[in-house]
Amino acid sequence: MHNKCLIIYAQPLSPGEGKIVPVPGHKVTHKVVGADTDGAYSLLEVELVGDGPPQHIHKTEDEAFYVLEGEINVLVGERTIRATAGSFVLIPRGTVHTFSRIGQEPAKLLAIFSPAGFEQFFDEAVDLDVTDTEAYVAKAKALAEKYNMEIVGPPLEP
């Protein structure tokens, strides 16, 4: 008797493909979500054209960044790291962090959350009819507890 193994592969995504969520200051594209990985991780492409998020803590997810284009500053705990294309930064759960672009040029990075689930925060926080920063920040603060996140400080200065 042979054991049969069913392997299901997600459809490949080309550049620009995936669910796009227009977060004020940066465009988030879902490349892989928890439903694709049995909850193990999610992968988002982030194009940072404005300010980064406020300082925050993920209580239940590790987060990592891989910089594809441009340069960003990443605050991890009390340390600020200058990350250029090809840089990888791991942020363990429970660690204060944020990021911002360096200069006026956009930056592009991959953001990985493990385990998955936090990617749904962006879907819920962004009202596709109202994309101004003030409305987004108010909704993000209201959703923080639901997604095991704590906002602890302002964004990084540009």
N, C-alpha and C. Protein backbone atom coordinates (compact mmCIF):
# COMPACT_ATOMS: atom_id res chain seq x y z
N MET A 1 0.84 -1.17 0.00
CA MET A 1 0.00 0.00 0.00
C MET A 1 0.89 1.24 0.00
N HIS A 2 0.57 2.20 -0.86
CA HIS A 2 1.33 3.43 -0.97
C HIS A 2 0.62 4.53 -0.20
N ASN A 3 1.42 5.30 0.51
CA ASN A 3 0.87 6.49 1.17
C ASN A 3 0.75 7.59 0.14
N LYS A 4 -0.39 8.21 0.10
CA LYS A 4 -0.58 9.32 -0.83
C LYS A 4 -0.47 10.62 -0.05
N CYS A 5 0.21 11.56 -0.64
CA CYS A 5 0.40 12.86 -0.02
C CYS A 5 -0.19 13.91 -0.96
N LEU A 6 -1.10 14.67 -0.45
CA LEU A 6 -1.71 15.73 -1.24
C LEU A 6 -0.99 17.03 -0.93
N ILE A 7 -0.39 17.63 -1.91
CA ILE A 7 0.31 18.91 -1.74
C ILE A 7 -0.44 19.95 -2.55
N ILE A 8 -0.83 21.00 -1.88
CA ILE A 8 -1.54 22.09 -2.54
C ILE A 8 -0.62 23.30 -2.58
N TYR A 9 -0.38 23.81 -3.75
CA TYR A 9 0.47 24.99 -3.92
C TYR A 9 -0.41 26.20 -4.20
N ALA A 10 -0.08 27.29 -3.55
CA ALA A 10 -0.78 28.55 -3.83
C ALA A 10 -0.37 29.02 -5.22
N GLN A 11 -1.25 29.75 -5.85
CA GLN A 11 -0.93 30.30 -7.15
C GLN A 11 0.21 31.30 -7.01
N PRO A 12 1.18 31.26 -7.91
CA PRO A 12 2.27 32.24 -7.84
C PRO A 12 1.74 33.65 -8.11
N LEU A 13 2.35 34.61 -7.47
CA LEU A 13 1.97 36.01 -7.67
C LEU A 13 3.08 36.73 -8.40
N SER A 14 2.72 37.46 -9.41
CA SER A 14 3.67 38.27 -10.16
C SER A 14 3.83 39.62 -9.46
N PRO A 15 4.85 40.41 -9.86
CA PRO A 15 4.98 41.74 -9.28
C PRO A 15 3.68 42.52 -9.42
N GLY A 16 3.28 43.18 -8.36
CA GLY A 16 2.06 43.98 -8.37
C GLY A 16 0.80 43.19 -8.05
N GLU A 17 0.90 41.86 -7.97
CA GLU A 17 -0.27 41.05 -7.67
C GLU A 17 -0.39 40.79 -6.18
N GLY A 18 -1.60 40.55 -5.74
CA GLY A 18 -1.93 40.33 -4.33
C GLY A 18 -2.96 41.35 -3.91
N LYS A 19 -3.56 41.13 -2.77
CA LYS A 19 -4.56 42.07 -2.26
C LYS A 19 -3.87 43.32 -1.76
N ILE A 20 -4.22 44.47 -2.33
CA ILE A 20 -3.60 45.75 -1.98
C ILE A 20 -4.47 46.47 -0.96
N VAL A 21 -3.82 46.92 0.13
CA VAL A 21 -4.49 47.68 1.18
C VAL A 21 -3.78 49.03 1.27
N PRO A 22 -4.47 50.14 0.94
CA PRO A 22 -3.83 51.46 0.92
C PRO A 22 -3.74 52.09 2.32
N VAL A 23 -2.78 51.65 3.12
CA VAL A 23 -2.55 52.22 4.44
C VAL A 23 -1.96 53.62 4.22
N PRO A 24 -2.44 54.64 4.93
CA PRO A 24 -1.84 55.98 4.75
C PRO A 24 -0.34 55.94 4.99
N GLY A 25 0.42 56.45 4.02
CA GLY A 25 1.88 56.47 4.13
C GLY A 25 2.56 55.27 3.53
N HIS A 26 1.84 54.16 3.38
CA HIS A 26 2.44 53.00 2.75
C HIS A 26 1.38 52.05 2.21
N LYS A 27 1.70 51.51 1.05
CA LYS A 27 0.81 50.54 0.40
C LYS A 27 1.23 49.15 0.85
N VAL A 28 0.27 48.37 1.34
CA VAL A 28 0.52 47.01 1.80
C VAL A 28 -0.12 46.05 0.80
N THR A 29 0.65 45.07 0.34
CA THR A 29 0.14 44.05 -0.57
C THR A 29 0.30 42.70 0.10
N HIS A 30 -0.83 42.02 0.29
CA HIS A 30 -0.80 40.67 0.86
C HIS A 30 -0.24 39.72 -0.21
N LYS A 31 0.88 39.09 0.08
CA LYS A 31 1.46 38.10 -0.82
C LYS A 31 1.10 36.69 -0.37
N VAL A 32 1.18 36.43 0.94
CA VAL A 32 0.81 35.14 1.53
C VAL A 32 0.12 35.44 2.85
N VAL A 33 -1.03 34.84 3.07
CA VAL A 33 -1.78 35.06 4.32
C VAL A 33 -1.86 33.74 5.10
N GLY A 34 -2.32 33.83 6.32
CA GLY A 34 -2.37 32.66 7.18
C GLY A 34 -3.13 31.49 6.59
N ALA A 35 -4.18 31.76 5.82
CA ALA A 35 -4.94 30.67 5.19
C ALA A 35 -4.09 29.89 4.20
N ASP A 36 -3.04 30.52 3.67
CA ASP A 36 -2.15 29.85 2.71
C ASP A 36 -1.08 29.00 3.40
N THR A 37 -0.81 29.28 4.69
CA THR A 37 0.31 28.64 5.38
C THR A 37 -0.12 27.86 6.62
N ASP A 38 -1.42 27.56 6.71
CA ASP A 38 -1.97 26.88 7.88
C ASP A 38 -1.64 27.67 9.15
N GLY A 39 -1.62 29.01 9.01
CA GLY A 39 -1.39 29.88 10.15
C GLY A 39 0.05 30.08 10.56
N ALA A 40 0.99 29.49 9.85
CA ALA A 40 2.40 29.56 10.25
C ALA A 40 2.97 30.97 10.11
N TYR A 41 2.69 31.63 8.99
CA TYR A 41 3.23 32.98 8.77
C TYR A 41 2.43 33.68 7.69
N SER A 42 2.63 34.99 7.61
CA SER A 42 2.09 35.77 6.49
C SER A 42 3.24 36.62 5.96
N LEU A 43 3.13 37.00 4.69
CA LEU A 43 4.16 37.80 4.04
C LEU A 43 3.48 38.95 3.31
N LEU A 44 3.89 40.15 3.65
CA LEU A 44 3.33 41.35 3.05
C LEU A 44 4.43 42.13 2.35
N GLU A 45 4.11 42.74 1.22
CA GLU A 45 5.03 43.67 0.58
C GLU A 45 4.57 45.06 0.97
N VAL A 46 5.51 45.86 1.46
CA VAL A 46 5.18 47.21 1.94
C VAL A 46 5.97 48.21 1.11
N GLU A 47 5.23 49.13 0.49
CA GLU A 47 5.88 50.24 -0.22
C GLU A 47 5.68 51.47 0.63
N LEU A 48 6.77 51.95 1.22
CA LEU A 48 6.73 53.06 2.16
C LEU A 48 6.98 54.36 1.40
N VAL A 49 5.95 55.21 1.30
CA VAL A 49 6.07 56.48 0.59
C VAL A 49 5.87 57.67 1.53
N GLY A 50 5.46 57.41 2.75
CA GLY A 50 5.24 58.47 3.74
C GLY A 50 5.84 58.06 5.06
N ASP A 51 5.17 58.46 6.13
CA ASP A 51 5.64 58.14 7.47
C ASP A 51 5.40 56.67 7.79
N GLY A 52 6.20 56.15 8.70
CA GLY A 52 6.01 54.79 9.18
C GLY A 52 5.02 54.79 10.34
N PRO A 53 4.77 53.62 10.91
CA PRO A 53 3.79 53.49 11.99
C PRO A 53 4.35 54.02 13.32
N PRO A 54 3.47 54.23 14.30
CA PRO A 54 3.95 54.60 15.63
C PRO A 54 4.71 53.42 16.25
N GLN A 55 5.48 53.71 17.29
CA GLN A 55 6.17 52.65 18.01
C GLN A 55 5.13 51.72 18.61
N HIS A 56 5.36 50.41 18.46
CA HIS A 56 4.38 49.45 18.93
C HIS A 56 5.04 48.13 19.28
N ILE A 57 4.26 47.27 19.94
CA ILE A 57 4.71 45.95 20.36
C ILE A 57 3.69 44.93 19.87
N HIS A 58 4.16 43.87 19.23
CA HIS A 58 3.31 42.72 18.91
C HIS A 58 3.52 41.71 20.04
N LYS A 59 2.45 41.38 20.73
CA LYS A 59 2.56 40.49 21.88
C LYS A 59 2.60 39.01 21.50
N THR A 60 2.09 38.68 20.30
CA THR A 60 1.99 37.26 19.94
C THR A 60 2.67 36.90 18.62
N GLU A 61 3.27 37.85 17.92
CA GLU A 61 3.93 37.55 16.64
C GLU A 61 5.36 38.06 16.64
N ASP A 62 6.24 37.29 16.03
CA ASP A 62 7.55 37.80 15.62
C ASP A 62 7.31 38.52 14.30
N GLU A 63 8.08 39.56 14.05
CA GLU A 63 7.99 40.28 12.78
C GLU A 63 9.39 40.40 12.21
N ALA A 64 9.51 40.35 10.91
CA ALA A 64 10.81 40.51 10.27
C ALA A 64 10.63 41.35 9.01
N PHE A 65 11.68 42.10 8.68
CA PHE A 65 11.70 42.91 7.47
C PHE A 65 12.87 42.48 6.60
N TYR A 66 12.61 42.42 5.30
CA TYR A 66 13.67 42.25 4.31
C TYR A 66 13.52 43.41 3.35
N VAL A 67 14.53 44.28 3.28
CA VAL A 67 14.46 45.49 2.47
C VAL A 67 14.77 45.14 1.01
N LEU A 68 13.83 45.48 0.14
CA LEU A 68 14.01 45.23 -1.30
C LEU A 68 14.61 46.43 -2.02
N GLU A 69 14.13 47.63 -1.68
CA GLU A 69 14.57 48.86 -2.36
C GLU A 69 14.62 49.99 -1.34
N GLY A 70 15.53 50.93 -1.56
CA GLY A 70 15.60 52.11 -0.71
C GLY A 70 16.28 51.82 0.62
N GLU A 71 16.06 52.75 1.55
CA GLU A 71 16.67 52.65 2.88
C GLU A 71 15.63 53.00 3.93
N ILE A 72 15.67 52.29 5.04
CA ILE A 72 14.78 52.57 6.15
C ILE A 72 15.56 52.57 7.46
N ASN A 73 15.05 53.30 8.44
CA ASN A 73 15.50 53.18 9.81
C ASN A 73 14.52 52.26 10.51
N VAL A 74 15.04 51.32 11.29
CA VAL A 74 14.20 50.41 12.04
C VAL A 74 14.59 50.54 13.51
N LEU A 75 13.64 50.93 14.33
CA LEU A 75 13.84 50.96 15.77
C LEU A 75 13.48 49.59 16.30
N VAL A 76 14.43 48.93 16.98
CA VAL A 76 14.22 47.62 17.60
C VAL A 76 14.67 47.77 19.05
N GLY A 77 13.71 47.81 19.96
CA GLY A 77 14.05 48.07 21.36
C GLY A 77 14.56 49.49 21.49
N GLU A 78 15.78 49.64 21.94
CA GLU A 78 16.39 50.97 22.09
C GLU A 78 17.39 51.26 20.99
N ARG A 79 17.51 50.37 20.03
CA ARG A 79 18.51 50.49 18.97
C ARG A 79 17.86 50.85 17.64
N THR A 80 18.44 51.81 16.93
CA THR A 80 17.97 52.16 15.59
C THR A 80 18.96 51.61 14.57
N ILE A 81 18.44 50.85 13.63
CA ILE A 81 19.25 50.19 12.61
C ILE A 81 18.97 50.82 11.26
N ARG A 82 20.01 51.16 10.53
CA ARG A 82 19.85 51.66 9.16
C ARG A 82 19.87 50.42 8.25
N ALA A 83 18.77 50.18 7.58
CA ALA A 83 18.63 48.99 6.75
C ALA A 83 18.53 49.40 5.28
N THR A 84 19.45 48.88 4.48
CA THR A 84 19.46 49.17 3.04
C THR A 84 19.00 47.92 2.29
N ALA A 85 18.87 48.05 0.98
CA ALA A 85 18.43 46.91 0.16
C ALA A 85 19.29 45.68 0.46
N GLY A 86 18.63 44.56 0.73
CA GLY A 86 19.31 43.32 1.07
C GLY A 86 19.41 43.08 2.57
N SER A 87 19.04 44.07 3.39
CA SER A 87 19.11 43.93 4.84
C SER A 87 17.91 43.13 5.36
N PHE A 88 18.16 42.36 6.42
CA PHE A 88 17.12 41.59 7.10
C PHE A 88 17.14 41.98 8.57
N VAL A 89 15.96 42.29 9.12
CA VAL A 89 15.85 42.68 10.52
C VAL A 89 14.77 41.84 11.17
N LEU A 90 15.12 41.14 12.25
CA LEU A 90 14.17 40.33 13.01
C LEU A 90 13.74 41.08 14.26
N ILE A 91 12.44 41.14 14.50
CA ILE A 91 11.89 41.79 15.68
C ILE A 91 11.14 40.73 16.48
N PRO A 92 11.72 40.25 17.57
CA PRO A 92 11.04 39.24 18.37
C PRO A 92 9.78 39.80 19.01
N ARG A 93 8.77 38.95 19.17
CA ARG A 93 7.53 39.38 19.82
C ARG A 93 7.86 40.00 21.17
N GLY A 94 7.07 41.00 21.56
CA GLY A 94 7.29 41.68 22.83
C GLY A 94 8.30 42.81 22.77
N THR A 95 8.83 43.12 21.58
CA THR A 95 9.86 44.14 21.42
C THR A 95 9.26 45.41 20.81
N VAL A 96 9.55 46.56 21.42
CA VAL A 96 9.14 47.85 20.86
C VAL A 96 9.84 48.03 19.52
N HIS A 97 9.08 48.46 18.51
CA HIS A 97 9.68 48.68 17.20
C HIS A 97 8.83 49.62 16.35
N THR A 98 9.44 50.14 15.33
CA THR A 98 8.80 50.90 14.26
C THR A 98 9.81 51.04 13.13
N PHE A 99 9.40 51.70 12.06
CA PHE A 99 10.31 51.93 10.95
C PHE A 99 9.91 53.19 10.21
N SER A 100 10.87 53.77 9.49
CA SER A 100 10.60 54.95 8.66
C SER A 100 11.58 54.94 7.50
N ARG A 101 11.20 55.57 6.42
CA ARG A 101 12.12 55.63 5.27
C ARG A 101 13.16 56.70 5.54
N ILE A 102 14.29 56.54 4.89
CA ILE A 102 15.36 57.53 4.96
C ILE A 102 15.31 58.35 3.69
N GLY A 103 15.23 59.65 3.80
CA GLY A 103 15.17 60.51 2.63
C GLY A 103 13.77 60.57 2.05
N GLN A 104 13.68 61.07 0.83
CA GLN A 104 12.38 61.27 0.19
C GLN A 104 11.99 60.15 -0.78
N GLU A 105 12.95 59.29 -1.10
CA GLU A 105 12.65 58.20 -2.04
C GLU A 105 11.83 57.12 -1.35
N PRO A 106 10.87 56.53 -2.05
CA PRO A 106 10.12 55.41 -1.46
C PRO A 106 11.05 54.25 -1.12
N ALA A 107 10.62 53.43 -0.19
CA ALA A 107 11.34 52.20 0.14
C ALA A 107 10.36 51.05 -0.01
N LYS A 108 10.88 49.88 -0.33
CA LYS A 108 10.02 48.70 -0.47
C LYS A 108 10.65 47.58 0.37
N LEU A 109 9.78 46.90 1.13
CA LEU A 109 10.27 45.82 1.98
C LEU A 109 9.24 44.72 2.07
N LEU A 110 9.71 43.55 2.46
CA LEU A 110 8.83 42.45 2.79
C LEU A 110 8.70 42.41 4.30
N ALA A 111 7.48 42.24 4.79
CA ALA A 111 7.22 42.11 6.22
C ALA A 111 6.65 40.71 6.45
N ILE A 112 7.26 40.00 7.37
CA ILE A 112 6.84 38.63 7.69
C ILE A 112 6.31 38.63 9.12
N PHE A 113 5.14 38.04 9.32
CA PHE A 113 4.57 37.88 10.66
C PHE A 113 4.45 36.39 10.94
N SER A 114 4.94 35.98 12.11
CA SER A 114 4.86 34.56 12.48
C SER A 114 4.51 34.45 13.96
N PRO A 115 3.40 33.77 14.28
CA PRO A 115 2.46 33.13 13.37
C PRO A 115 1.63 34.18 12.62
N ALA A 116 0.88 33.71 11.66
CA ALA A 116 0.03 34.59 10.84
C ALA A 116 -1.15 35.09 11.65
N GLY A 117 -1.84 36.06 11.09
CA GLY A 117 -3.05 36.59 11.70
C GLY A 117 -3.05 38.11 11.72
N PHE A 118 -1.86 38.69 11.97
CA PHE A 118 -1.81 40.15 12.08
C PHE A 118 -2.09 40.82 10.74
N GLU A 119 -1.88 40.11 9.63
CA GLU A 119 -2.17 40.71 8.32
C GLU A 119 -3.62 41.16 8.23
N GLN A 120 -4.51 40.53 8.98
CA GLN A 120 -5.92 40.90 8.98
C GLN A 120 -6.17 42.27 9.61
N PHE A 121 -5.24 42.70 10.45
CA PHE A 121 -5.33 44.03 11.05
C PHE A 121 -5.45 45.10 9.97
N PHE A 122 -4.62 45.01 8.94
CA PHE A 122 -4.63 46.02 7.88
C PHE A 122 -5.96 46.02 7.15
N ASP A 123 -6.50 44.84 6.88
CA ASP A 123 -7.80 44.74 6.20
C ASP A 123 -8.88 45.44 7.02
N GLU A 124 -8.83 45.27 8.33
CA GLU A 124 -9.86 45.81 9.19
C GLU A 124 -9.64 47.29 9.52
N ALA A 125 -8.39 47.72 9.59
CA ALA A 125 -8.08 49.10 9.99
C ALA A 125 -8.28 50.11 8.87
N VAL A 126 -8.17 49.67 7.64
CA VAL A 126 -8.27 50.60 6.52
C VAL A 126 -9.69 50.60 5.97
N ASP A 127 -10.31 51.74 6.01
CA ASP A 127 -11.61 51.94 5.39
C ASP A 127 -11.32 52.38 3.96
N LEU A 128 -11.67 51.57 3.00
CA LEU A 128 -11.30 51.85 1.62
C LEU A 128 -11.93 53.13 1.07
N ASP A 129 -12.95 53.66 1.76
CA ASP A 129 -13.55 54.91 1.32
C ASP A 129 -12.89 56.12 1.97
N VAL A 130 -12.19 55.91 3.10
CA VAL A 130 -11.55 57.00 3.83
C VAL A 130 -10.13 56.57 4.14
N THR A 131 -9.16 57.17 3.47
CA THR A 131 -7.78 56.75 3.67
C THR A 131 -6.91 57.84 4.28
N ASP A 132 -7.51 58.78 5.03
CA ASP A 132 -6.69 59.81 5.64
C ASP A 132 -6.03 59.26 6.91
N THR A 133 -4.89 59.83 7.25
CA THR A 133 -4.08 59.33 8.35
C THR A 133 -4.82 59.38 9.68
N GLU A 134 -5.52 60.45 9.96
CA GLU A 134 -6.20 60.61 11.25
C GLU A 134 -7.24 59.51 11.47
N ALA A 135 -8.05 59.23 10.46
CA ALA A 135 -9.06 58.18 10.57
C ALA A 135 -8.41 56.81 10.74
N TYR A 136 -7.32 56.57 10.01
CA TYR A 136 -6.61 55.29 10.12
C TYR A 136 -6.04 55.10 11.52
N VAL A 137 -5.38 56.14 12.05
CA VAL A 137 -4.77 56.04 13.38
C VAL A 137 -5.83 55.77 14.44
N ALA A 138 -6.97 56.44 14.35
CA ALA A 138 -8.05 56.22 15.32
C ALA A 138 -8.54 54.77 15.26
N LYS A 139 -8.72 54.26 14.05
CA LYS A 139 -9.21 52.89 13.90
C LYS A 139 -8.14 51.89 14.35
N ALA A 140 -6.87 52.17 14.03
CA ALA A 140 -5.77 51.29 14.44
C ALA A 140 -5.69 51.20 15.96
N LYS A 141 -5.82 52.33 16.64
CA LYS A 141 -5.78 52.32 18.11
C LYS A 141 -6.94 51.50 18.68
N ALA A 142 -8.11 51.63 18.06
CA ALA A 142 -9.28 50.88 18.53
C ALA A 142 -9.12 49.37 18.33
N LEU A 143 -8.36 48.97 17.30
CA LEU A 143 -8.17 47.55 17.00
C LEU A 143 -6.94 46.92 17.66
N ALA A 144 -6.10 47.75 18.26
CA ALA A 144 -4.82 47.27 18.79
C ALA A 144 -4.98 46.09 19.74
N GLU A 145 -5.88 46.18 20.70
CA GLU A 145 -6.04 45.10 21.67
C GLU A 145 -6.50 43.81 21.00
N LYS A 146 -7.44 43.93 20.04
CA LYS A 146 -7.94 42.75 19.34
C LYS A 146 -6.82 41.98 18.66
N TYR A 147 -5.80 42.69 18.16
CA TYR A 147 -4.70 42.06 17.44
C TYR A 147 -3.44 41.94 18.30
N ASN A 148 -3.62 41.98 19.62
CA ASN A 148 -2.51 41.77 20.56
C ASN A 148 -1.34 42.70 20.30
N MET A 149 -1.67 43.96 20.02
CA MET A 149 -0.67 44.98 19.75
C MET A 149 -0.84 46.11 20.77
N GLU A 150 0.27 46.70 21.16
CA GLU A 150 0.23 47.84 22.05
C GLU A 150 0.99 48.99 21.39
N ILE A 151 0.34 50.13 21.23
CA ILE A 151 1.01 51.32 20.68
C ILE A 151 1.65 52.04 21.86
N VAL A 152 2.97 52.26 21.77
CA VAL A 152 3.70 52.77 22.94
C VAL A 152 4.43 54.09 22.70
N GLY A 153 4.40 54.61 21.49
CA GLY A 153 5.12 55.86 21.24
C GLY A 153 4.87 56.39 19.85
N PRO A 154 5.44 57.54 19.55
CA PRO A 154 5.24 58.17 18.24
C PRO A 154 6.07 57.49 17.15
N PRO A 155 5.76 57.81 15.90
CA PRO A 155 6.61 57.32 14.80
C PRO A 155 8.03 57.88 14.94
N LEU A 156 8.96 57.31 14.20
CA LEU A 156 10.32 57.86 14.16
C LEU A 156 10.30 59.19 13.43
N GLU A 157 11.15 60.09 13.87
CA GLU A 157 11.31 61.36 13.14
C GLU A 157 11.98 61.06 11.80
N PRO A 158 11.51 61.72 10.72
CA PRO A 158 12.12 61.46 9.40
C PRO A 158 13.57 61.90 9.34
